[in-house]
Amino acid sequence: MILENGATFIWGNARLLERAIFEYYFYGASPTRIIDVLRAYQNEDGGFGHALEPDLRAPDSQPLFVEFALRTLYDCQLRDPTIAHRVCDFLAKHADLQHGIPTIFPSSQNYPRARHWIDRNMEPSWDRLVGLVGLANWQGVHHIWLKNVVDVCLDHVASTTYTDAHTIMNAFCLLESVAQERDVERLFHKLAQDLFTAHFFSIDVPVKTYALTPLTLAPTPDAYCRQIFSRVQIDAHLNELISLQMADGGWPIQWEPPGEAAQWEWRAQKTVNALVTLHAYGKL
C-alpha cells in the first residue's frame, strides 16, 4: 500500500513536474516530458524562475531555481544540452570568479518566501557556485565559460572545508562529472569527511530536524555516493523513510514554507523522491 497511497497523494497534490517524474519512474512515461516541463520554468535569460523551488515564489530567474532544475535532471539521470547551455549563459553573466554567486538576487525580496531565504543569501558564495558548476558540468555541455571555471572550482573543493551538506552534495556532482578524465579519489574522500561533520546532515536515525541523509546523497544503490555509507546505515534510513509516510499517503516536510501551496508542492516532491528511493532499494 505504500506505493498506492503515495500515488493517491501525488495525483491529488503534485504539480506537473513531479507528476511527470512519477510517471517516468512508475508508468514508463517518456523522460522528455520532464524536460519539457522544466523548459516551461526557464526564462529568456537562461535562468529558471516561477517558484520552481517552492520556498521562493518569484517569477524571475534566481540561482536557487537554476540549482533546483539541474538537480532535478541529475536525480533523474537526464541530460539536455539546450537547457544546460542556456544555464551556462546565465551563470556566465552573474557569476563572479572572485566571490562566487548569490543564492538569490535582491529581486527575490519582492515576493513571498520562506523565512530561511534571508538577506545573507544575497551575498555571493563560492560554495553555491561550485555546486552549480558541478551540476552543469555533469550535463556534459560544451560551453567556453564552463570549461574555464571547472578547474577553479576543483581547486576550491581541494582547499576549502565545507560545512553545509547541500554544498557537499552538489560538489560530489562536480567530481563525478570529471571522474572519467581525472583522478579525484582524494577529493572524494575529502568531501566524505566534510560531510560527516557538516550542518544539515544526519547519519543517525531518527532524524529529528531538517537534514540531508544518506538516502539524499545515495537515493539508488548505484549512486555515485553510495560507497560512503554502510548497508546498516542505508537500511536504517530506508526503514525510517517508510515509517514517515503519513495517513494521507504523502511524506512530511520539516520546515515552514511560505504558504499552503508551497507546502503541498514540497510534500509532493518529497513523496515522489521517497517512492523512487524505496523502489530503487526494493522496498516497494
C-alpha atoms as a PDB file:
ATOM      1  CA  MET A   1       0.000   0.000   0.000  1.00  0.00           C
ATOM      2  CA  ILE A   2       2.974   2.340   0.267  1.00  0.00           C
ATOM      3  CA  LEU A   3       3.013   2.992  -3.476  1.00  0.00           C
ATOM      4  CA  GLU A   4      -0.750   3.096  -3.880  1.00  0.00           C
ATOM      5  CA  ASN A   5      -1.224   5.598  -1.055  1.00  0.00           C
ATOM      6  CA  GLY A   6       1.687   7.689  -2.301  1.00  0.00           C
ATOM      7  CA  ALA A   7       0.233   7.749  -5.806  1.00  0.00           C
ATOM      8  CA  THR A   8      -3.101   8.985  -4.454  1.00  0.00           C
ATOM      9  CA  PHE A   9      -1.315  11.835  -2.700  1.00  0.00           C
ATOM     10  CA  ILE A  10       0.627  12.744  -5.854  1.00  0.00           C
ATOM     11  CA  TRP A  11      -2.443  12.772  -8.088  1.00  0.00           C
ATOM     12  CA  GLY A  12      -4.227  14.963  -5.574  1.00  0.00           C
ATOM     13  CA  ASN A  13      -1.491  17.484  -4.827  1.00  0.00           C
ATOM     14  CA  ALA A  14       1.563  17.413  -7.107  1.00  0.00           C
ATOM     15  CA  ARG A  15       2.381  19.980  -9.740  1.00  0.00           C
ATOM     16  CA  LEU A  16       3.055  18.900 -13.308  1.00  0.00           C
ATOM     17  CA  LEU A  17       6.816  18.442 -12.823  1.00  0.00           C
ATOM     18  CA  GLU A  18       6.518  15.908 -10.031  1.00  0.00           C
ATOM     19  CA  ARG A  19       3.704  14.124 -11.875  1.00  0.00           C
ATOM     20  CA  ALA A  20       5.977  13.785 -14.897  1.00  0.00           C
ATOM     21  CA  ILE A  21       8.784  12.362 -12.744  1.00  0.00           C
ATOM     22  CA  PHE A  22       6.398   9.924 -11.070  1.00  0.00           C
ATOM     23  CA  GLU A  23       5.008   8.752 -14.404  1.00  0.00           C
ATOM     24  CA  TYR A  24       8.528   8.326 -15.761  1.00  0.00           C
ATOM     25  CA  TYR A  25       9.605   6.039 -12.937  1.00  0.00           C
ATOM     26  CA  PHE A  26       6.406   4.078 -12.363  1.00  0.00           C
ATOM     27  CA  TYR A  27       4.410   4.174 -15.597  1.00  0.00           C
ATOM     28  CA  GLY A  28       7.088   4.084 -18.272  1.00  0.00           C
ATOM     29  CA  ALA A  29       6.398   7.624 -19.486  1.00  0.00           C
ATOM     30  CA  SER A  30       8.925   9.353 -21.712  1.00  0.00           C
ATOM     31  CA  PRO A  31      11.665  11.342 -19.942  1.00  0.00           C
ATOM     32  CA  THR A  32      11.151  14.111 -22.481  1.00  0.00           C
ATOM     33  CA  ARG A  33       8.027  15.072 -20.548  1.00  0.00           C
ATOM     34  CA  ILE A  34      10.186  16.024 -17.565  1.00  0.00           C
ATOM     35  CA  ILE A  35      12.460  18.100 -19.782  1.00  0.00           C
ATOM     36  CA  ASP A  36       9.511  19.797 -21.479  1.00  0.00           C
ATOM     37  CA  VAL A  37       8.041  20.777 -18.123  1.00  0.00           C
ATOM     38  CA  LEU A  38      11.375  22.146 -16.899  1.00  0.00           C
ATOM     39  CA  ARG A  39      11.704  24.234 -20.039  1.00  0.00           C
ATOM     40  CA  ALA A  40       8.470  25.981 -19.119  1.00  0.00           C
ATOM     41  CA  TYR A  41      10.229  27.282 -15.989  1.00  0.00           C
ATOM     42  CA  GLN A  42      13.283  28.533 -17.916  1.00  0.00           C
ATOM     43  CA  ASN A  43      13.284  32.266 -18.644  1.00  0.00           C
ATOM     44  CA  GLU A  44      14.667  34.054 -21.683  1.00  0.00           C
ATOM     45  CA  ASP A  45      17.923  34.829 -19.867  1.00  0.00           C
ATOM     46  CA  GLY A  46      18.646  31.103 -19.440  1.00  0.00           C
ATOM     47  CA  GLY A  47      17.887  31.073 -15.728  1.00  0.00           C
ATOM     48  CA  PHE A  48      14.916  29.457 -14.048  1.00  0.00           C
ATOM     49  CA  GLY A  49      12.044  31.151 -12.250  1.00  0.00           C
ATOM     50  CA  HIS A  50       8.339  30.781 -11.452  1.00  0.00           C
ATOM     51  CA  ALA A  51       8.740  29.322  -7.959  1.00  0.00           C
ATOM     52  CA  LEU A  52      10.499  26.221  -9.251  1.00  0.00           C
ATOM     53  CA  GLU A  53      11.956  25.862  -5.736  1.00  0.00           C
ATOM     54  CA  PRO A  54       8.671  26.257  -3.847  1.00  0.00           C
ATOM     55  CA  ASP A  55      10.039  28.251  -0.903  1.00  0.00           C
ATOM     56  CA  LEU A  56      10.542  31.327  -3.103  1.00  0.00           C
ATOM     57  CA  ARG A  57       7.551  32.480  -5.140  1.00  0.00           C
ATOM     58  CA  ALA A  58       9.449  34.748  -7.539  1.00  0.00           C
ATOM     59  CA  PRO A  59       8.859  34.563 -11.313  1.00  0.00           C
ATOM     60  CA  ASP A  60      12.274  35.916 -12.311  1.00  0.00           C
ATOM     61  CA  SER A  61      15.492  33.923 -12.621  1.00  0.00           C
ATOM     62  CA  GLN A  62      17.359  33.032  -9.438  1.00  0.00           C
ATOM     63  CA  PRO A  63      20.458  30.833  -8.932  1.00  0.00           C
ATOM     64  CA  LEU A  64      18.380  28.879  -6.397  1.00  0.00           C
ATOM     65  CA  PHE A  65      15.966  27.883  -9.148  1.00  0.00           C
ATOM     66  CA  VAL A  66      18.794  27.005 -11.528  1.00  0.00           C
ATOM     67  CA  GLU A  67      20.194  24.618  -8.945  1.00  0.00           C
ATOM     68  CA  PHE A  68      16.770  23.032  -8.432  1.00  0.00           C
ATOM     69  CA  ALA A  69      16.371  22.483 -12.184  1.00  0.00           C
ATOM     70  CA  LEU A  70      19.822  20.986 -12.643  1.00  0.00           C
ATOM     71  CA  ARG A  71      19.405  18.838  -9.556  1.00  0.00           C
ATOM     72  CA  THR A  72      16.122  17.508 -10.917  1.00  0.00           C
ATOM     73  CA  LEU A  73      17.848  16.491 -14.141  1.00  0.00           C
ATOM     74  CA  TYR A  74      20.697  14.903 -12.210  1.00  0.00           C
ATOM     75  CA  ASP A  75      18.408  12.960  -9.896  1.00  0.00           C
ATOM     76  CA  CYS A  76      16.510  11.640 -12.916  1.00  0.00           C
ATOM     77  CA  GLN A  77      19.812  10.932 -14.715  1.00  0.00           C
ATOM     78  CA  LEU A  78      18.731  13.094 -17.644  1.00  0.00           C
ATOM     79  CA  ARG A  79      20.854  15.362 -19.805  1.00  0.00           C
ATOM     80  CA  ASP A  80      19.613  18.144 -22.040  1.00  0.00           C
ATOM     81  CA  PRO A  81      22.260  20.208 -23.858  1.00  0.00           C
ATOM     82  CA  THR A  82      19.850  23.009 -24.754  1.00  0.00           C
ATOM     83  CA  ILE A  83      18.797  23.646 -21.169  1.00  0.00           C
ATOM     84  CA  ALA A  84      22.373  23.286 -19.929  1.00  0.00           C
ATOM     85  CA  HIS A  85      23.902  25.643 -22.498  1.00  0.00           C
ATOM     86  CA  ARG A  86      21.365  28.351 -21.682  1.00  0.00           C
ATOM     87  CA  VAL A  87      22.054  27.845 -17.975  1.00  0.00           C
ATOM     88  CA  CYS A  88      25.757  28.396 -18.615  1.00  0.00           C
ATOM     89  CA  ASP A  89      24.945  31.648 -20.405  1.00  0.00           C
ATOM     90  CA  PHE A  90      23.025  32.744 -17.306  1.00  0.00           C
ATOM     91  CA  LEU A  91      25.793  31.722 -14.913  1.00  0.00           C
ATOM     92  CA  ALA A  92      28.465  33.401 -17.040  1.00  0.00           C
ATOM     93  CA  LYS A  93      26.543  36.666 -16.760  1.00  0.00           C
ATOM     94  CA  HIS A  94      26.010  36.563 -12.997  1.00  0.00           C
ATOM     95  CA  ALA A  95      28.939  34.640 -11.512  1.00  0.00           C
ATOM     96  CA  ASP A  96      31.960  36.468 -10.147  1.00  0.00           C
ATOM     97  CA  LEU A  97      35.066  34.292 -10.173  1.00  0.00           C
ATOM     98  CA  GLN A  98      36.452  36.276  -7.262  1.00  0.00           C
ATOM     99  CA  HIS A  99      33.430  35.926  -4.991  1.00  0.00           C
ATOM    100  CA  GLY A 100      31.042  33.362  -6.471  1.00  0.00           C
ATOM    101  CA  ILE A 101      27.314  33.765  -6.999  1.00  0.00           C
ATOM    102  CA  PRO A 102      24.462  34.514  -4.585  1.00  0.00           C
ATOM    103  CA  THR A 103      21.725  32.033  -3.864  1.00  0.00           C
ATOM    104  CA  ILE A 104      19.033  34.614  -4.502  1.00  0.00           C
ATOM    105  CA  PHE A 105      19.048  38.075  -6.031  1.00  0.00           C
ATOM    106  CA  PRO A 106      17.660  41.231  -4.340  1.00  0.00           C
ATOM    107  CA  SER A 107      14.582  40.997  -6.583  1.00  0.00           C
ATOM    108  CA  SER A 108      13.558  37.923  -4.574  1.00  0.00           C
ATOM    109  CA  GLN A 109      12.589  40.187  -1.675  1.00  0.00           C
ATOM    110  CA  ASN A 110       9.598  41.408  -3.688  1.00  0.00           C
ATOM    111  CA  TYR A 111       7.854  38.037  -3.416  1.00  0.00           C
ATOM    112  CA  PRO A 112       6.652  35.661  -0.702  1.00  0.00           C
ATOM    113  CA  ARG A 113       9.437  33.421   0.552  1.00  0.00           C
ATOM    114  CA  ALA A 114      10.253  31.098   3.409  1.00  0.00           C
ATOM    115  CA  ARG A 115      11.933  32.593   6.466  1.00  0.00           C
ATOM    116  CA  HIS A 116      15.249  30.884   5.746  1.00  0.00           C
ATOM    117  CA  TRP A 117      15.728  32.822   2.487  1.00  0.00           C
ATOM    118  CA  ILE A 118      17.017  35.943   4.155  1.00  0.00           C
ATOM    119  CA  ASP A 119      19.379  38.785   3.289  1.00  0.00           C
ATOM    120  CA  ARG A 120      22.632  36.879   3.755  1.00  0.00           C
ATOM    121  CA  ASN A 121      21.631  34.536   0.924  1.00  0.00           C
ATOM    122  CA  MET A 122      22.042  37.502  -1.419  1.00  0.00           C
ATOM    123  CA  GLU A 123      25.782  37.635  -0.752  1.00  0.00           C
ATOM    124  CA  PRO A 124      27.982  35.962  -3.397  1.00  0.00           C
ATOM    125  CA  SER A 125      29.100  32.487  -2.398  1.00  0.00           C
ATOM    126  CA  TRP A 126      31.801  30.266  -3.863  1.00  0.00           C
ATOM    127  CA  ASP A 127      30.118  27.280  -2.269  1.00  0.00           C
ATOM    128  CA  ARG A 128      26.971  27.953  -4.284  1.00  0.00           C
ATOM    129  CA  LEU A 129      28.943  28.416  -7.479  1.00  0.00           C
ATOM    130  CA  VAL A 130      30.826  25.135  -7.027  1.00  0.00           C
ATOM    131  CA  GLY A 131      27.512  23.315  -6.745  1.00  0.00           C
ATOM    132  CA  LEU A 132      26.065  24.964  -9.826  1.00  0.00           C
ATOM    133  CA  VAL A 133      29.188  24.295 -11.861  1.00  0.00           C
ATOM    134  CA  GLY A 134      29.200  20.673 -10.737  1.00  0.00           C
ATOM    135  CA  LEU A 135      25.610  20.132 -11.771  1.00  0.00           C
ATOM    136  CA  ALA A 136      26.095  21.983 -15.071  1.00  0.00           C
ATOM    137  CA  ASN A 137      29.283  20.109 -15.922  1.00  0.00           C
ATOM    138  CA  TRP A 138      27.566  16.782 -15.230  1.00  0.00           C
ATOM    139  CA  GLN A 139      25.258  17.696 -18.099  1.00  0.00           C
ATOM    140  CA  GLY A 140      28.231  17.299 -20.445  1.00  0.00           C
ATOM    141  CA  VAL A 141      27.574  20.554 -22.247  1.00  0.00           C
ATOM    142  CA  HIS A 142      30.382  22.269 -24.162  1.00  0.00           C
ATOM    143  CA  HIS A 143      30.454  25.915 -23.118  1.00  0.00           C
ATOM    144  CA  ILE A 144      33.514  28.151 -23.019  1.00  0.00           C
ATOM    145  CA  TRP A 145      32.650  29.672 -19.638  1.00  0.00           C
ATOM    146  CA  LEU A 146      32.066  26.294 -18.028  1.00  0.00           C
ATOM    147  CA  LYS A 147      35.299  24.878 -19.410  1.00  0.00           C
ATOM    148  CA  ASN A 148      37.286  27.713 -17.861  1.00  0.00           C
ATOM    149  CA  VAL A 149      35.669  27.570 -14.424  1.00  0.00           C
ATOM    150  CA  VAL A 150      35.762  23.830 -13.700  1.00  0.00           C
ATOM    151  CA  ASP A 151      39.434  23.837 -12.684  1.00  0.00           C
ATOM    152  CA  VAL A 152      38.895  26.839 -10.431  1.00  0.00           C
ATOM    153  CA  CYS A 153      36.038  25.003  -8.704  1.00  0.00           C
ATOM    154  CA  LEU A 154      38.099  21.850  -8.264  1.00  0.00           C
ATOM    155  CA  ASP A 155      40.799  23.941  -6.604  1.00  0.00           C
ATOM    156  CA  HIS A 156      38.146  25.358  -4.288  1.00  0.00           C
ATOM    157  CA  VAL A 157      36.988  21.858  -3.336  1.00  0.00           C
ATOM    158  CA  ALA A 158      40.576  20.892  -2.542  1.00  0.00           C
ATOM    159  CA  SER A 159      41.333  23.941  -0.424  1.00  0.00           C
ATOM    160  CA  THR A 160      38.057  24.521   1.430  1.00  0.00           C
ATOM    161  CA  THR A 161      36.487  22.694   4.338  1.00  0.00           C
ATOM    162  CA  TYR A 162      32.793  22.687   3.528  1.00  0.00           C
ATOM    163  CA  THR A 163      30.350  22.996   6.402  1.00  0.00           C
ATOM    164  CA  ASP A 164      26.993  22.750   4.589  1.00  0.00           C
ATOM    165  CA  ALA A 165      25.757  19.361   3.396  1.00  0.00           C
ATOM    166  CA  HIS A 166      23.950  20.906   0.419  1.00  0.00           C
ATOM    167  CA  THR A 167      27.236  22.287  -0.921  1.00  0.00           C
ATOM    168  CA  ILE A 168      28.935  18.936  -0.433  1.00  0.00           C
ATOM    169  CA  MET A 169      26.151  17.036  -2.182  1.00  0.00           C
ATOM    170  CA  ASN A 170      26.477  19.154  -5.304  1.00  0.00           C
ATOM    171  CA  ALA A 171      30.276  19.236  -5.141  1.00  0.00           C
ATOM    172  CA  PHE A 172      30.178  15.453  -5.482  1.00  0.00           C
ATOM    173  CA  CYS A 173      28.476  16.045  -8.844  1.00  0.00           C
ATOM    174  CA  LEU A 174      31.485  18.072  -9.937  1.00  0.00           C
ATOM    175  CA  LEU A 175      33.801  15.183  -9.070  1.00  0.00           C
ATOM    176  CA  GLU A 176      31.516  12.721 -10.824  1.00  0.00           C
ATOM    177  CA  SER A 177      31.459  14.890 -13.937  1.00  0.00           C
ATOM    178  CA  VAL A 178      35.259  14.753 -14.315  1.00  0.00           C
ATOM    179  CA  ALA A 179      35.930  11.293 -12.850  1.00  0.00           C
ATOM    180  CA  GLN A 180      36.480   9.680 -16.265  1.00  0.00           C
ATOM    181  CA  GLU A 181      39.333  12.023 -17.100  1.00  0.00           C
ATOM    182  CA  ARG A 182      40.896  12.913 -13.737  1.00  0.00           C
ATOM    183  CA  ASP A 183      41.933  11.209 -10.542  1.00  0.00           C
ATOM    184  CA  VAL A 184      39.515  12.626  -7.990  1.00  0.00           C
ATOM    185  CA  GLU A 185      39.716   9.878  -5.355  1.00  0.00           C
ATOM    186  CA  ARG A 186      41.488  12.146  -2.859  1.00  0.00           C
ATOM    187  CA  LEU A 187      38.866  14.850  -3.310  1.00  0.00           C
ATOM    188  CA  PHE A 188      36.085  12.288  -2.982  1.00  0.00           C
ATOM    189  CA  HIS A 189      37.365  11.151   0.414  1.00  0.00           C
ATOM    190  CA  LYS A 190      37.935  14.742   1.468  1.00  0.00           C
ATOM    191  CA  LEU A 191      34.289  15.619   0.703  1.00  0.00           C
ATOM    192  CA  ALA A 192      33.113  12.495   2.512  1.00  0.00           C
ATOM    193  CA  GLN A 193      34.990  13.613   5.619  1.00  0.00           C
ATOM    194  CA  ASP A 194      33.493  17.088   5.346  1.00  0.00           C
ATOM    195  CA  LEU A 195      30.018  15.577   5.044  1.00  0.00           C
ATOM    196  CA  PHE A 196      30.052  13.728   8.344  1.00  0.00           C
ATOM    197  CA  THR A 197      30.632  16.936  10.317  1.00  0.00           C
ATOM    198  CA  ALA A 198      28.563  19.267   8.120  1.00  0.00           C
ATOM    199  CA  HIS A 199      25.476  21.212   9.093  1.00  0.00           C
ATOM    200  CA  PHE A 200      22.191  19.850   7.722  1.00  0.00           C
ATOM    201  CA  PHE A 201      23.381  16.241   7.558  1.00  0.00           C
ATOM    202  CA  SER A 202      22.231  13.388   9.777  1.00  0.00           C
ATOM    203  CA  ILE A 203      23.834   9.959   9.705  1.00  0.00           C
ATOM    204  CA  ASP A 204      21.726   8.760  12.637  1.00  0.00           C
ATOM    205  CA  VAL A 205      18.066   7.863  12.910  1.00  0.00           C
ATOM    206  CA  PRO A 206      15.634   9.133  13.866  1.00  0.00           C
ATOM    207  CA  VAL A 207      16.215  12.416  12.047  1.00  0.00           C
ATOM    208  CA  LYS A 208      14.702  14.961  14.406  1.00  0.00           C
ATOM    209  CA  THR A 209      15.056  18.137  12.327  1.00  0.00           C
ATOM    210  CA  TYR A 210      15.579  19.183   8.739  1.00  0.00           C
ATOM    211  CA  ALA A 211      18.648  17.424   7.349  1.00  0.00           C
ATOM    212  CA  LEU A 212      20.016  15.582   4.361  1.00  0.00           C
ATOM    213  CA  THR A 213      20.519  11.870   4.977  1.00  0.00           C
ATOM    214  CA  PRO A 214      22.476   9.046   3.334  1.00  0.00           C
ATOM    215  CA  LEU A 215      19.426   8.472   1.112  1.00  0.00           C
ATOM    216  CA  THR A 216      19.568  12.054  -0.129  1.00  0.00           C
ATOM    217  CA  LEU A 217      23.089  11.510  -1.391  1.00  0.00           C
ATOM    218  CA  ALA A 218      22.560   7.889  -2.411  1.00  0.00           C
ATOM    219  CA  PRO A 219      18.910   7.620  -3.482  1.00  0.00           C
ATOM    220  CA  THR A 220      19.687   4.498  -5.534  1.00  0.00           C
ATOM    221  CA  PRO A 221      22.087   1.574  -4.956  1.00  0.00           C
ATOM    222  CA  ASP A 222      24.223   2.637  -7.935  1.00  0.00           C
ATOM    223  CA  ALA A 223      24.519   6.299  -6.915  1.00  0.00           C
ATOM    224  CA  TYR A 224      27.972   7.903  -7.035  1.00  0.00           C
ATOM    225  CA  CYS A 225      27.966   8.472  -3.264  1.00  0.00           C
ATOM    226  CA  ARG A 226      26.596   5.058  -2.261  1.00  0.00           C
ATOM    227  CA  GLN A 227      30.055   3.796  -1.253  1.00  0.00           C
ATOM    228  CA  ILE A 228      30.269   6.362   1.535  1.00  0.00           C
ATOM    229  CA  PHE A 229      27.626   4.620   3.619  1.00  0.00           C
ATOM    230  CA  SER A 230      27.359   1.159   5.116  1.00  0.00           C
ATOM    231  CA  ARG A 231      24.480  -1.168   4.376  1.00  0.00           C
ATOM    232  CA  VAL A 232      23.400  -0.848   8.000  1.00  0.00           C
ATOM    233  CA  GLN A 233      23.179   2.927   7.678  1.00  0.00           C
ATOM    234  CA  ILE A 234      21.232   2.719   4.419  1.00  0.00           C
ATOM    235  CA  ASP A 235      18.811   0.147   5.826  1.00  0.00           C
ATOM    236  CA  ALA A 236      18.186   2.234   8.935  1.00  0.00           C
ATOM    237  CA  HIS A 237      17.233   5.241   6.846  1.00  0.00           C
ATOM    238  CA  LEU A 238      15.086   3.149   4.494  1.00  0.00           C
ATOM    239  CA  ASN A 239      13.133   1.840   7.472  1.00  0.00           C
ATOM    240  CA  GLU A 240      12.696   5.344   8.819  1.00  0.00           C
ATOM    241  CA  LEU A 241      11.618   6.623   5.409  1.00  0.00           C
ATOM    242  CA  ILE A 242       8.870   4.008   5.285  1.00  0.00           C
ATOM    243  CA  SER A 243       7.727   4.950   8.793  1.00  0.00           C
ATOM    244  CA  LEU A 244       7.384   8.638   7.851  1.00  0.00           C
ATOM    245  CA  GLN A 245       4.610   8.139   5.294  1.00  0.00           C
ATOM    246  CA  MET A 246       1.552   9.959   6.618  1.00  0.00           C
ATOM    247  CA  ALA A 247      -2.061   8.853   6.687  1.00  0.00           C
ATOM    248  CA  ASP A 248      -2.826  10.861   3.531  1.00  0.00           C
ATOM    249  CA  GLY A 249      -0.143   8.929   1.621  1.00  0.00           C
ATOM    250  CA  GLY A 250       2.383  11.734   1.435  1.00  0.00           C
ATOM    251  CA  TRP A 251       5.626  12.451   3.231  1.00  0.00           C
ATOM    252  CA  PRO A 252       6.062  15.443   5.560  1.00  0.00           C
ATOM    253  CA  ILE A 253       8.456  18.370   5.390  1.00  0.00           C
ATOM    254  CA  GLN A 254      10.379  19.682   8.399  1.00  0.00           C
ATOM    255  CA  TRP A 255      10.357  23.414   7.817  1.00  0.00           C
ATOM    256  CA  GLU A 256       7.843  26.208   7.423  1.00  0.00           C
ATOM    257  CA  PRO A 257       7.098  27.045   3.754  1.00  0.00           C
ATOM    258  CA  PRO A 258       5.830  30.478   2.671  1.00  0.00           C
ATOM    259  CA  GLY A 259       2.253  29.316   2.152  1.00  0.00           C
ATOM    260  CA  GLU A 260      -0.159  26.448   1.728  1.00  0.00           C
ATOM    261  CA  ALA A 261       0.584  25.973  -1.987  1.00  0.00           C
ATOM    262  CA  ALA A 262       4.310  25.647  -1.282  1.00  0.00           C
ATOM    263  CA  GLN A 263       3.616  23.106   1.446  1.00  0.00           C
ATOM    264  CA  TRP A 264       1.671  20.823  -0.899  1.00  0.00           C
ATOM    265  CA  GLU A 265       4.242  21.243  -3.659  1.00  0.00           C
ATOM    266  CA  TRP A 266       7.099  20.326  -1.337  1.00  0.00           C
ATOM    267  CA  ARG A 267       5.260  17.378   0.171  1.00  0.00           C
ATOM    268  CA  ALA A 268       4.512  16.036  -3.297  1.00  0.00           C
ATOM    269  CA  GLN A 269       8.166  16.435  -4.273  1.00  0.00           C
ATOM    270  CA  LYS A 270       9.262  14.621  -1.121  1.00  0.00           C
ATOM    271  CA  THR A 271       6.706  11.905  -1.796  1.00  0.00           C
ATOM    272  CA  VAL A 272       7.939  11.271  -5.324  1.00  0.00           C
ATOM    273  CA  ASN A 273      11.538  11.162  -4.093  1.00  0.00           C
ATOM    274  CA  ALA A 274      10.631   8.767  -1.287  1.00  0.00           C
ATOM    275  CA  LEU A 275       8.807   6.378  -3.608  1.00  0.00           C
ATOM    276  CA  VAL A 276      11.610   6.429  -6.194  1.00  0.00           C
ATOM    277  CA  THR A 277      14.187   5.652  -3.500  1.00  0.00           C
ATOM    278  CA  LEU A 278      12.145   2.891  -1.878  1.00  0.00           C
ATOM    279  CA  HIS A 279      11.552   1.331  -5.294  1.00  0.00           C
ATOM    280  CA  ALA A 280      15.260   1.532  -6.184  1.00  0.00           C
ATOM    281  CA  TYR A 281      16.188  -0.319  -2.984  1.00  0.00           C
ATOM    282  CA  GLY A 282      13.488  -2.963  -3.451  1.00  0.00           C
ATOM    283  CA  LYS A 283      11.253  -1.776  -0.632  1.00  0.00           C
ATOM    284  CA  LEU A 284       8.004  -1.420  -2.615  1.00  0.00           C
END
